[in-house]
N, C-alpha and C. Protein backbone atom coordinates (compact mmCIF):
# COMPACT_ATOMS: atom_id res chain seq x y z
N MET A 1 0.83 -1.20 0.00
CA MET A 1 0.00 0.00 0.00
C MET A 1 0.87 1.26 0.00
N GLN A 2 1.98 1.20 0.73
CA GLN A 2 2.84 2.37 0.82
C GLN A 2 3.42 2.74 -0.54
N ASN A 3 3.74 1.74 -1.36
CA ASN A 3 4.28 2.03 -2.70
C ASN A 3 3.27 2.79 -3.53
N PHE A 4 2.00 2.41 -3.43
CA PHE A 4 0.95 3.11 -4.17
C PHE A 4 0.84 4.55 -3.70
N LEU A 5 0.90 4.77 -2.40
CA LEU A 5 0.79 6.12 -1.85
C LEU A 5 1.97 7.00 -2.27
N ASP A 6 3.12 6.39 -2.52
CA ASP A 6 4.28 7.16 -2.96
C ASP A 6 4.10 7.72 -4.37
N TYR A 7 3.30 7.03 -5.18
CA TYR A 7 3.10 7.47 -6.57
C TYR A 7 1.93 8.44 -6.75
N ILE A 8 1.11 8.60 -5.73
CA ILE A 8 -0.06 9.47 -5.86
C ILE A 8 0.33 10.92 -6.19
N PRO A 9 1.32 11.53 -5.50
CA PRO A 9 1.68 12.91 -5.89
C PRO A 9 2.12 13.03 -7.35
N VAL A 10 2.81 12.02 -7.85
CA VAL A 10 3.24 12.04 -9.26
C VAL A 10 2.02 11.98 -10.17
N MET A 11 1.07 11.12 -9.82
CA MET A 11 -0.16 11.01 -10.62
C MET A 11 -0.95 12.32 -10.59
N ILE A 12 -0.98 12.97 -9.43
CA ILE A 12 -1.71 14.24 -9.32
C ILE A 12 -1.07 15.29 -10.22
N ILE A 13 0.24 15.37 -10.20
CA ILE A 13 0.94 16.35 -11.05
C ILE A 13 0.68 16.06 -12.53
N PHE A 14 0.74 14.78 -12.91
CA PHE A 14 0.46 14.40 -14.29
C PHE A 14 -0.96 14.79 -14.68
N LEU A 15 -1.93 14.51 -13.81
CA LEU A 15 -3.33 14.85 -14.10
C LEU A 15 -3.55 16.36 -14.15
N LEU A 16 -2.86 17.11 -13.29
CA LEU A 16 -2.96 18.57 -13.35
C LEU A 16 -2.47 19.09 -14.70
N GLY A 17 -1.38 18.52 -15.20
CA GLY A 17 -0.89 18.89 -16.52
C GLY A 17 -1.90 18.57 -17.60
N ALA A 18 -2.56 17.42 -17.49
CA ALA A 18 -3.58 17.04 -18.46
C ALA A 18 -4.77 18.00 -18.40
N VAL A 19 -5.14 18.44 -17.20
CA VAL A 19 -6.24 19.40 -17.06
C VAL A 19 -5.89 20.71 -17.75
N VAL A 20 -4.66 21.16 -17.55
CA VAL A 20 -4.22 22.41 -18.18
C VAL A 20 -4.25 22.28 -19.70
N ILE A 21 -3.80 21.16 -20.21
CA ILE A 21 -3.80 20.95 -21.67
C ILE A 21 -5.21 20.96 -22.23
N VAL A 22 -6.13 20.24 -21.57
CA VAL A 22 -7.52 20.19 -22.04
C VAL A 22 -8.16 21.56 -21.94
N LEU A 23 -7.90 22.26 -20.83
CA LEU A 23 -8.46 23.60 -20.66
C LEU A 23 -7.95 24.56 -21.73
N LEU A 24 -6.66 24.53 -22.01
CA LEU A 24 -6.10 25.40 -23.04
C LEU A 24 -6.64 25.04 -24.42
N ALA A 25 -6.83 23.76 -24.68
CA ALA A 25 -7.40 23.35 -25.97
C ALA A 25 -8.79 23.95 -26.15
N GLY A 26 -9.59 23.94 -25.09
CA GLY A 26 -10.93 24.52 -25.18
C GLY A 26 -10.90 26.03 -25.35
N VAL A 27 -10.04 26.70 -24.60
CA VAL A 27 -9.95 28.16 -24.68
C VAL A 27 -9.43 28.59 -26.04
N VAL A 28 -8.39 27.93 -26.52
CA VAL A 28 -7.83 28.27 -27.83
C VAL A 28 -8.86 27.99 -28.92
N GLY A 29 -9.58 26.89 -28.78
CA GLY A 29 -10.62 26.57 -29.77
C GLY A 29 -11.70 27.62 -29.85
N MET A 30 -12.08 28.17 -28.70
CA MET A 30 -13.09 29.24 -28.72
C MET A 30 -12.49 30.55 -29.23
N ALA A 31 -11.24 30.80 -28.92
CA ALA A 31 -10.61 32.05 -29.33
C ALA A 31 -10.36 32.11 -30.83
N VAL A 32 -10.20 30.96 -31.46
CA VAL A 32 -9.91 30.91 -32.88
C VAL A 32 -11.13 31.35 -33.69
N GLY A 33 -12.26 31.34 -33.10
CA GLY A 33 -13.43 31.83 -33.81
C GLY A 33 -14.45 30.74 -34.08
N GLY A 34 -14.55 29.80 -33.17
CA GLY A 34 -15.59 28.80 -33.31
C GLY A 34 -15.26 27.68 -34.27
N LYS A 35 -13.98 27.42 -34.49
CA LYS A 35 -13.63 26.31 -35.39
C LYS A 35 -13.85 24.96 -34.73
N ILE A 36 -14.03 24.97 -33.40
CA ILE A 36 -14.35 23.74 -32.69
C ILE A 36 -15.86 23.71 -32.47
N THR A 37 -16.47 22.62 -32.84
CA THR A 37 -17.93 22.50 -32.74
C THR A 37 -18.35 22.42 -31.27
N PRO A 38 -19.60 22.76 -30.99
CA PRO A 38 -20.10 22.64 -29.62
C PRO A 38 -19.97 21.23 -29.06
N ARG A 39 -20.11 20.23 -29.91
CA ARG A 39 -19.98 18.85 -29.45
C ARG A 39 -18.56 18.57 -28.95
N VAL A 40 -17.57 19.04 -29.67
CA VAL A 40 -16.17 18.84 -29.27
C VAL A 40 -15.89 19.62 -27.99
N ARG A 41 -16.41 20.84 -27.90
CA ARG A 41 -16.23 21.63 -26.68
C ARG A 41 -16.84 20.90 -25.48
N ASN A 42 -17.99 20.28 -25.69
CA ASN A 42 -18.63 19.54 -24.62
C ASN A 42 -17.78 18.34 -24.20
N HIS A 43 -17.19 17.65 -25.17
CA HIS A 43 -16.32 16.52 -24.86
C HIS A 43 -15.09 17.00 -24.07
N LEU A 44 -14.54 18.14 -24.47
CA LEU A 44 -13.39 18.69 -23.74
C LEU A 44 -13.77 19.03 -22.31
N MET A 45 -14.94 19.61 -22.12
CA MET A 45 -15.39 19.96 -20.78
C MET A 45 -15.57 18.70 -19.93
N LYS A 46 -16.18 17.67 -20.50
CA LYS A 46 -16.38 16.43 -19.76
C LYS A 46 -15.04 15.78 -19.41
N ALA A 47 -14.08 15.85 -20.31
CA ALA A 47 -12.76 15.30 -20.03
C ALA A 47 -12.10 16.06 -18.89
N ARG A 48 -12.22 17.38 -18.92
CA ARG A 48 -11.63 18.20 -17.86
C ARG A 48 -12.26 17.90 -16.51
N VAL A 49 -13.57 17.80 -16.48
CA VAL A 49 -14.27 17.51 -15.23
C VAL A 49 -13.90 16.11 -14.73
N GLY A 50 -13.78 15.15 -15.63
CA GLY A 50 -13.37 13.80 -15.24
C GLY A 50 -11.97 13.77 -14.65
N LEU A 51 -11.05 14.50 -15.27
CA LEU A 51 -9.69 14.56 -14.77
C LEU A 51 -9.65 15.22 -13.39
N GLN A 52 -10.44 16.28 -13.22
CA GLN A 52 -10.49 16.95 -11.92
C GLN A 52 -11.09 16.03 -10.86
N ALA A 53 -12.06 15.21 -11.24
CA ALA A 53 -12.64 14.25 -10.29
C ALA A 53 -11.58 13.22 -9.86
N LEU A 54 -10.78 12.76 -10.81
CA LEU A 54 -9.71 11.82 -10.46
C LEU A 54 -8.71 12.46 -9.48
N ILE A 55 -8.40 13.72 -9.70
CA ILE A 55 -7.49 14.42 -8.80
C ILE A 55 -8.09 14.49 -7.40
N LEU A 56 -9.37 14.83 -7.31
CA LEU A 56 -10.02 14.90 -6.01
C LEU A 56 -10.02 13.54 -5.30
N ILE A 57 -10.24 12.48 -6.05
CA ILE A 57 -10.22 11.13 -5.46
C ILE A 57 -8.83 10.81 -4.92
N LEU A 58 -7.80 11.13 -5.70
CA LEU A 58 -6.44 10.87 -5.24
C LEU A 58 -6.08 11.69 -4.01
N VAL A 59 -6.51 12.94 -3.98
CA VAL A 59 -6.26 13.78 -2.80
C VAL A 59 -7.00 13.21 -1.59
N ALA A 60 -8.22 12.74 -1.79
CA ALA A 60 -8.98 12.14 -0.69
C ALA A 60 -8.28 10.89 -0.17
N ILE A 61 -7.73 10.08 -1.07
CA ILE A 61 -6.99 8.89 -0.65
C ILE A 61 -5.78 9.29 0.20
N LEU A 62 -5.08 10.33 -0.23
CA LEU A 62 -3.92 10.80 0.55
C LEU A 62 -4.34 11.30 1.92
N VAL A 63 -5.43 12.03 1.99
CA VAL A 63 -5.91 12.56 3.27
C VAL A 63 -6.31 11.42 4.20
N VAL A 64 -7.05 10.47 3.69
CA VAL A 64 -7.48 9.34 4.51
C VAL A 64 -6.27 8.51 4.95
N ALA A 65 -5.34 8.28 4.05
CA ALA A 65 -4.14 7.51 4.42
C ALA A 65 -3.33 8.25 5.49
N SER A 66 -3.25 9.56 5.37
CA SER A 66 -2.55 10.35 6.38
C SER A 66 -3.27 10.28 7.72
N TRP A 67 -4.57 10.37 7.67
CA TRP A 67 -5.36 10.30 8.90
C TRP A 67 -5.23 8.92 9.54
N MET A 68 -5.26 7.87 8.73
CA MET A 68 -5.12 6.50 9.25
C MET A 68 -3.72 6.28 9.81
N GLY A 69 -2.72 6.90 9.18
CA GLY A 69 -1.35 6.77 9.68
C GLY A 69 -1.16 7.44 11.03
N ASP A 70 -1.88 8.54 11.26
CA ASP A 70 -1.79 9.23 12.55
C ASP A 70 -2.46 8.43 13.66
N LYS A 71 -3.43 7.61 13.32
CA LYS A 71 -4.14 6.82 14.31
C LYS A 71 -3.29 5.67 14.86
N GLN A 72 -2.33 5.21 14.07
CA GLN A 72 -1.55 4.04 14.49
C GLN A 72 -0.34 4.42 15.26
């Protein structure tokens, strides 16, 4: 279990980078003048929200693991 917890910060950083990339893709797509269809923008938004949900889950795992470690 400890090995998995050691990789969580790395996964969070990777996912944060992915969120930034997806967010920039959406912003640039809108700034270009609507060359990205609403359907693609919706897919980008869903991808961003999904990535953010994964980050929150990983942070929650770290918090719970830290709390459980303090109990022992």
